Amino acid sequence: MGKQSIPWAVGLTGLLYFGMLGYWQYDAFETALFDSGNASQNAIDGALFGFGFGVAYVAFMIWCFTRDLPEGLKEVPIIGRYGKMLAWLTFLGIAVWYCRPNSMYGGTHQDLVGYLLVGVILLGFGASAALVCFMYSGDKNSRLYALHRFVDTYPTITKPERHVRFNEKLWTTTLVLIIYFAMTNVMIWGLSGQALDLFSGFRSIMAGASGTIMHLGIGPIVTGSIIMQLFAGAKIIRLDLQDSEDKAMYQGVQKLLVLLMIPIESIPQTYGFLDPTENLITKLWNGLG
């Protein structure tokens, strides 16, 4: 049995997301509308740019999820394969450049870092995926098939076509362990070595190392997997995991969720108990001053 689009869910999701963006800049919009005499033109310009940028970004992400590149562009070697990714990186670059530091690069909207990078880039990605699922109409049993363009392009591990010998498995496992232990010794740049680790008791479980590029460990993977299993168990996600096509879709959406969980889990820790070094604070303070 196929699915039909849900207009009220599309409207509600869009209202909640763009309402959140507007509320985030409520002070700037309120001052511009009701107290223009005391309004800061810089704050108003930043709020208007951020909101308009969010609308354009969500529209672009919906297009990426629902449309393929034109046939003429598909034949171009790099654009045909990485066109959407390059366009997304362009949006990210615009957001980063707009909220650049003041004295270092002449920026005037460094206070919009959280608004653009979290509110627009990160949450806009999730809102776009939700909108596409609610807009889906097709012959599949699950709305997750609306995300098939992302799932199809995401790299996957295929089943080996031949018997894998034990020695090959052993050497592969050894190589992976060497890479892992090397990553646990690469510290994050600018992080103070005196930072308090509130999750030290869970490091062995999550296979992470505090203050390194493996700080999160397998946390995002575990969280994404638990969410997908809860949705599948509650029949919110109607996928038959015994079917190869449905199983591939399930695993692909789980990878998408893991990508979202990485910044969701890292941002609170970055703004929480992970302290930067004094040299980094001095450089940024001089740049922002």
Protein backbone atom coordinates (compact mmCIF):
# COMPACT_ATOMS: atom_id res chain seq x y z
CA MET A 1 0.00 0.00 0.00
CA GLY A 2 1.46 3.34 -1.05
CA LYS A 3 1.80 6.57 0.85
CA GLN A 4 0.33 10.01 0.29
CA SER A 5 1.74 13.34 1.34
CA ILE A 6 0.50 14.88 4.60
CA PRO A 7 -0.03 18.61 4.01
CA TRP A 8 -0.83 19.46 7.63
CA ALA A 9 2.36 17.75 8.84
CA VAL A 10 4.40 19.61 6.22
CA GLY A 11 2.88 22.92 7.30
CA LEU A 12 3.31 22.18 11.02
CA THR A 13 6.95 21.14 10.60
CA GLY A 14 7.73 24.22 8.54
CA LEU A 15 5.93 26.45 11.04
CA LEU A 16 7.82 24.96 13.99
CA TYR A 17 11.22 25.22 12.33
CA PHE A 18 10.91 28.71 10.85
CA GLY A 19 9.10 29.84 13.97
CA MET A 20 12.13 28.67 15.95
CA LEU A 21 14.44 30.63 13.63
CA GLY A 22 12.33 33.73 14.04
CA TYR A 23 12.11 33.36 17.81
CA TRP A 24 15.89 32.91 17.98
CA GLN A 25 16.21 36.45 16.57
CA TYR A 26 13.09 37.73 18.35
CA ASP A 27 14.84 40.72 19.94
CA ALA A 28 16.19 41.99 16.63
CA PHE A 29 12.86 41.62 14.84
CA GLU A 30 10.90 43.15 17.73
CA THR A 31 13.22 46.16 17.88
CA ALA A 32 13.02 46.67 14.13
CA LEU A 33 9.20 46.56 14.12
CA PHE A 34 8.27 48.40 17.32
CA ASP A 35 11.31 50.40 18.39
CA SER A 36 13.08 51.38 15.20
CA GLY A 37 14.64 54.42 16.85
CA ASN A 38 16.84 52.24 19.05
CA ALA A 39 17.31 49.49 16.50
CA SER A 40 20.80 48.32 15.62
CA GLN A 41 21.05 48.12 11.87
CA ASN A 42 23.81 45.52 12.16
CA ALA A 43 21.61 43.24 14.31
CA ILE A 44 18.63 43.69 11.98
CA ASP A 45 20.74 42.93 8.90
CA GLY A 46 22.12 39.82 10.58
CA ALA A 47 18.66 38.58 11.59
CA LEU A 48 17.22 39.16 8.13
CA PHE A 49 20.19 37.49 6.44
CA GLY A 50 20.06 34.51 8.79
CA PHE A 51 16.34 33.94 8.29
CA GLY A 52 16.56 34.34 4.51
CA PHE A 53 19.61 32.10 4.43
CA GLY A 54 17.66 29.48 6.38
CA VAL A 55 14.79 29.57 3.87
CA ALA A 56 17.21 29.19 0.94
CA TYR A 57 19.10 26.38 2.70
CA VAL A 58 15.96 24.36 3.48
CA ALA A 59 14.75 24.80 -0.10
CA PHE A 60 18.13 23.59 -1.37
CA MET A 61 18.13 20.54 0.93
CA ILE A 62 14.60 19.60 -0.14
CA TRP A 63 15.73 19.84 -3.76
CA CYS A 64 18.72 17.60 -2.99
CA PHE A 65 16.48 14.97 -1.38
CA THR A 66 13.82 15.02 -4.11
CA ARG A 67 15.58 15.80 -7.39
CA ASP A 68 18.51 14.49 -9.39
CA LEU A 69 21.06 16.64 -11.14
CA PRO A 70 20.25 17.54 -14.77
CA GLU A 71 21.48 14.99 -17.29
CA GLY A 72 23.95 17.47 -18.73
CA LEU A 73 25.65 17.99 -15.37
CA LYS A 74 25.78 14.26 -14.60
CA GLU A 75 28.26 13.78 -17.43
CA VAL A 76 30.71 16.30 -15.96
CA PRO A 77 33.40 14.25 -14.11
CA ILE A 78 33.45 16.06 -10.75
CA ILE A 79 30.16 17.97 -10.78
CA GLY A 80 28.18 14.91 -11.80
CA ARG A 81 29.27 12.94 -8.75
CA TYR A 82 29.96 15.59 -6.11
CA GLY A 83 27.78 18.48 -7.30
CA LYS A 84 25.32 18.39 -4.42
CA MET A 85 28.10 18.00 -1.86
CA LEU A 86 30.00 20.96 -3.32
CA ALA A 87 26.85 23.06 -3.25
CA TRP A 88 26.28 22.11 0.40
CA LEU A 89 29.88 23.03 1.23
CA THR A 90 29.24 26.38 -0.46
CA PHE A 91 26.30 27.02 1.87
CA LEU A 92 28.48 26.03 4.83
CA GLY A 93 31.28 28.31 3.64
CA ILE A 94 28.89 31.26 3.30
CA ALA A 95 27.62 30.69 6.85
CA VAL A 96 31.15 30.46 8.27
CA TRP A 97 32.32 33.54 6.38
CA TYR A 98 29.32 35.63 7.41
CA CYS A 99 29.92 34.98 11.12
CA ARG A 100 33.72 35.34 10.92
CA PRO A 101 35.59 37.18 13.74
CA ASN A 102 35.73 40.96 13.67
CA SER A 103 39.35 42.13 13.87
CA MET A 104 40.87 39.06 12.25
CA TYR A 105 38.78 39.03 9.07
CA GLY A 106 36.66 42.16 9.25
CA GLY A 107 33.43 40.41 10.20
CA THR A 108 30.56 42.14 11.98
CA HIS A 109 28.22 39.24 12.76
CA GLN A 110 30.31 36.89 14.92
CA ASP A 111 27.35 36.64 17.31
CA LEU A 112 25.48 34.60 14.68
CA VAL A 113 27.77 31.57 14.94
CA GLY A 114 25.24 29.45 16.80
CA TYR A 115 22.30 30.74 14.77
CA LEU A 116 23.82 29.96 11.37
CA LEU A 117 25.80 26.80 12.11
CA VAL A 118 23.39 25.14 14.54
CA GLY A 119 20.00 26.69 13.81
CA VAL A 120 20.32 26.79 10.01
CA ILE A 121 22.93 24.26 8.87
CA LEU A 122 22.36 21.49 11.43
CA LEU A 123 18.69 21.81 12.39
CA GLY A 124 17.79 22.86 8.85
CA PHE A 125 19.18 19.56 7.60
CA GLY A 126 16.97 17.62 9.99
CA ALA A 127 13.93 19.78 9.24
CA SER A 128 14.44 19.27 5.50
CA ALA A 129 14.61 15.51 5.92
CA ALA A 130 11.40 15.54 7.99
CA LEU A 131 9.63 17.74 5.42
CA VAL A 132 10.65 15.44 2.58
CA CYS A 133 9.32 12.40 4.45
CA PHE A 134 5.96 14.11 5.05
CA MET A 135 5.83 15.21 1.41
CA TYR A 136 6.52 11.69 0.12
CA SER A 137 3.92 10.04 -2.09
CA GLY A 138 4.74 6.71 -3.65
CA ASP A 139 4.12 2.98 -3.68
CA LYS A 140 6.50 2.13 -0.81
CA ASN A 141 5.28 1.24 2.66
CA SER A 142 7.62 3.62 4.46
CA ARG A 143 8.11 7.36 4.08
CA LEU A 144 11.82 6.86 4.65
CA TYR A 145 12.08 6.01 0.95
CA ALA A 146 11.82 9.76 0.37
CA LEU A 147 15.48 9.85 1.47
CA HIS A 148 16.61 7.20 -1.00
CA ARG A 149 18.80 9.62 -2.97
CA PHE A 150 20.94 10.17 0.10
CA VAL A 151 20.95 6.48 1.00
CA ASP A 152 21.90 5.43 -2.54
CA THR A 153 24.91 7.76 -2.68
CA TYR A 154 26.17 7.02 0.83
CA PRO A 155 29.02 4.47 0.72
CA THR A 156 28.17 1.02 2.03
CA ILE A 157 30.09 -2.17 2.72
CA THR A 158 29.09 -4.98 0.39
CA LYS A 159 29.17 -8.66 1.17
CA PRO A 160 32.42 -10.26 -0.01
CA GLU A 161 32.10 -12.37 -3.15
CA ARG A 162 34.64 -14.91 -1.97
CA HIS A 163 35.58 -16.66 1.24
CA VAL A 164 37.61 -14.40 3.53
CA ARG A 165 40.42 -16.30 5.18
CA PHE A 166 41.12 -16.05 8.88
CA ASN A 167 44.56 -14.51 8.31
CA GLU A 168 43.00 -11.67 6.29
CA LYS A 169 40.47 -11.02 9.04
CA LEU A 170 43.25 -11.01 11.63
CA TRP A 171 45.43 -8.54 9.71
CA THR A 172 42.46 -6.28 8.97
CA THR A 173 41.45 -6.26 12.64
CA THR A 174 45.04 -5.50 13.66
CA LEU A 175 45.25 -2.60 11.20
CA VAL A 176 41.97 -1.15 12.46
CA LEU A 177 43.17 -1.38 16.07
CA ILE A 178 46.42 0.39 15.19
CA ILE A 179 44.49 3.21 13.51
CA TYR A 180 42.12 3.42 16.47
CA PHE A 181 44.90 3.65 19.08
CA ALA A 182 46.65 6.27 16.94
CA MET A 183 43.46 8.36 16.82
CA THR A 184 43.06 8.11 20.60
CA ASN A 185 46.44 9.86 20.93
CA VAL A 186 45.68 12.76 18.58
CA MET A 187 44.50 15.59 20.83
CA ILE A 188 41.91 18.13 19.71
CA TRP A 189 43.61 21.42 18.83
CA GLY A 190 43.04 24.17 21.36
CA LEU A 191 41.69 21.92 24.12
CA SER A 192 43.09 22.32 27.59
CA GLY A 193 44.68 19.25 29.11
CA GLN A 194 43.09 20.18 32.45
CA ALA A 195 39.53 19.78 31.15
CA LEU A 196 37.26 17.82 33.47
CA ASP A 197 35.94 14.59 32.00
CA LEU A 198 32.43 14.06 33.34
CA PHE A 199 32.01 10.85 31.35
CA SER A 200 35.26 9.13 32.31
CA GLY A 201 33.35 6.14 33.67
CA PHE A 202 31.78 5.52 30.27
CA ARG A 203 34.91 5.84 28.12
CA SER A 204 35.63 2.11 28.11
CA ILE A 205 32.03 1.38 27.14
CA MET A 206 31.87 4.02 24.40
CA ALA A 207 35.40 3.25 23.15
CA GLY A 208 36.37 6.91 23.41
CA ALA A 209 39.34 8.88 24.72
CA SER A 210 38.76 12.23 26.39
CA GLY A 211 40.17 15.24 24.57
CA THR A 212 41.10 13.33 21.41
CA ILE A 213 39.47 13.06 18.00
CA MET A 214 37.89 9.86 19.37
CA HIS A 215 36.25 11.82 22.18
CA LEU A 216 32.72 10.71 21.29
CA GLY A 217 33.72 7.13 20.55
CA ILE A 218 30.81 5.02 19.34
CA GLY A 219 28.31 7.24 21.16
CA PRO A 220 26.63 8.67 18.03
CA ILE A 221 26.41 5.21 16.44
CA VAL A 222 24.84 3.68 19.55
CA THR A 223 22.40 6.58 19.97
CA GLY A 224 21.34 6.50 16.33
CA SER A 225 20.89 2.73 16.46
CA ILE A 226 18.75 2.92 19.62
CA ILE A 227 16.49 5.60 18.13
CA MET A 228 15.98 3.59 14.95
CA GLN A 229 15.24 0.40 16.90
CA LEU A 230 12.70 2.22 19.07
CA PHE A 231 10.97 3.66 16.00
CA ALA A 232 10.98 0.28 14.27
CA GLY A 233 9.68 -1.52 17.36
CA ALA A 234 6.87 1.00 17.80
CA LYS A 235 5.92 0.57 14.11
CA ILE A 236 6.58 4.26 13.47
CA ILE A 237 9.01 3.11 10.80
CA ARG A 238 7.23 0.51 8.68
CA LEU A 239 10.15 -1.44 7.27
CA ASP A 240 10.48 -5.19 6.93
CA LEU A 241 14.04 -5.91 8.01
CA GLN A 242 13.81 -9.35 6.43
CA ASP A 243 13.52 -7.66 3.03
CA SER A 244 16.89 -6.69 1.55
CA GLU A 245 15.62 -3.39 0.10
CA ASP A 246 13.95 -2.31 3.33
CA LYS A 247 16.99 -3.36 5.35
CA ALA A 248 19.29 -1.28 3.13
CA MET A 249 16.98 1.72 3.58
CA TYR A 250 16.93 1.18 7.35
CA GLN A 251 20.72 1.07 7.56
CA GLY A 252 21.08 4.09 5.27
CA VAL A 253 18.72 6.25 7.34
CA GLN A 254 20.51 5.08 10.47
CA LYS A 255 23.76 6.43 9.00
CA LEU A 256 22.02 9.73 8.31
CA LEU A 257 20.88 9.84 11.92
CA VAL A 258 24.43 9.10 13.11
CA LEU A 259 25.71 12.08 11.10
CA LEU A 260 23.17 14.28 12.87
CA MET A 261 24.03 12.86 16.29
CA ILE A 262 27.73 13.72 15.95
CA PRO A 263 27.26 17.51 16.20
CA ILE A 264 24.27 17.12 18.52
CA GLU A 265 26.45 15.27 21.04
CA SER A 266 29.61 17.30 20.51
CA ILE A 267 28.16 20.84 20.69
CA PRO A 268 26.93 20.59 24.32
CA GLN A 269 30.28 19.17 25.41
CA THR A 270 32.18 21.88 23.56
CA TYR A 271 30.16 24.63 25.22
CA GLY A 272 30.11 22.75 28.53
CA PHE A 273 32.99 21.16 30.38
CA LEU A 274 35.63 21.09 27.61
CA ASP A 275 37.85 24.10 28.35
CA PRO A 276 40.13 25.70 25.73
CA THR A 277 43.76 26.57 26.37
CA GLU A 278 44.73 30.05 27.51
CA ASN A 279 46.63 30.70 24.27
CA LEU A 280 43.52 29.94 22.21
CA ILE A 281 41.42 32.24 24.39
CA THR A 282 43.96 35.04 23.97
CA LYS A 283 44.05 34.66 20.19
CA LEU A 284 40.27 34.58 19.84
CA TRP A 285 39.81 37.46 22.26
CA ASN A 286 42.25 39.60 20.30
CA GLY A 287 40.52 38.58 17.08
CA LEU A 288 37.03 39.33 18.35
CA GLY A 289 37.99 42.48 20.19
